[in-house]
Amino acid sequence: MTPSNSPTYVINFRDRANCSRIQNVQPGEEILVLVHPDQEPLADPLGAKGTRSQDGALFVVEITTADGTRQPFEWEYPLLKLVTQLFQPLR
């Protein structure tokens, strides 16, 4: 649980390279994921660690805040992949 005085972070879906990395991550692989505070969508993105589970079903994002607090959150990978595709331009 996130302490009430700490911001909650969300994935930055506006960054095309970020979405592409998420779409192409393999089971068990760790990648850089850009996040921002959920109440500040235009804030500079922060780097976080994203890891797809070994079975490929979940994607866990973990950000370490300036004070050293770790804030993990997870997505079901098929849903996350769909969301990232929605933010990509048609080819």
Foldseek 3Di string as FASTA:
>chain_A
DDPPVDFDKDFLLLDLVLLVCLLPDDAQDKDWTWIDGPVCNPDDTDTWIWHQHNVRQKIKTWDQDPVRDIDIDMDGSVVSNVVSVVNDDDD
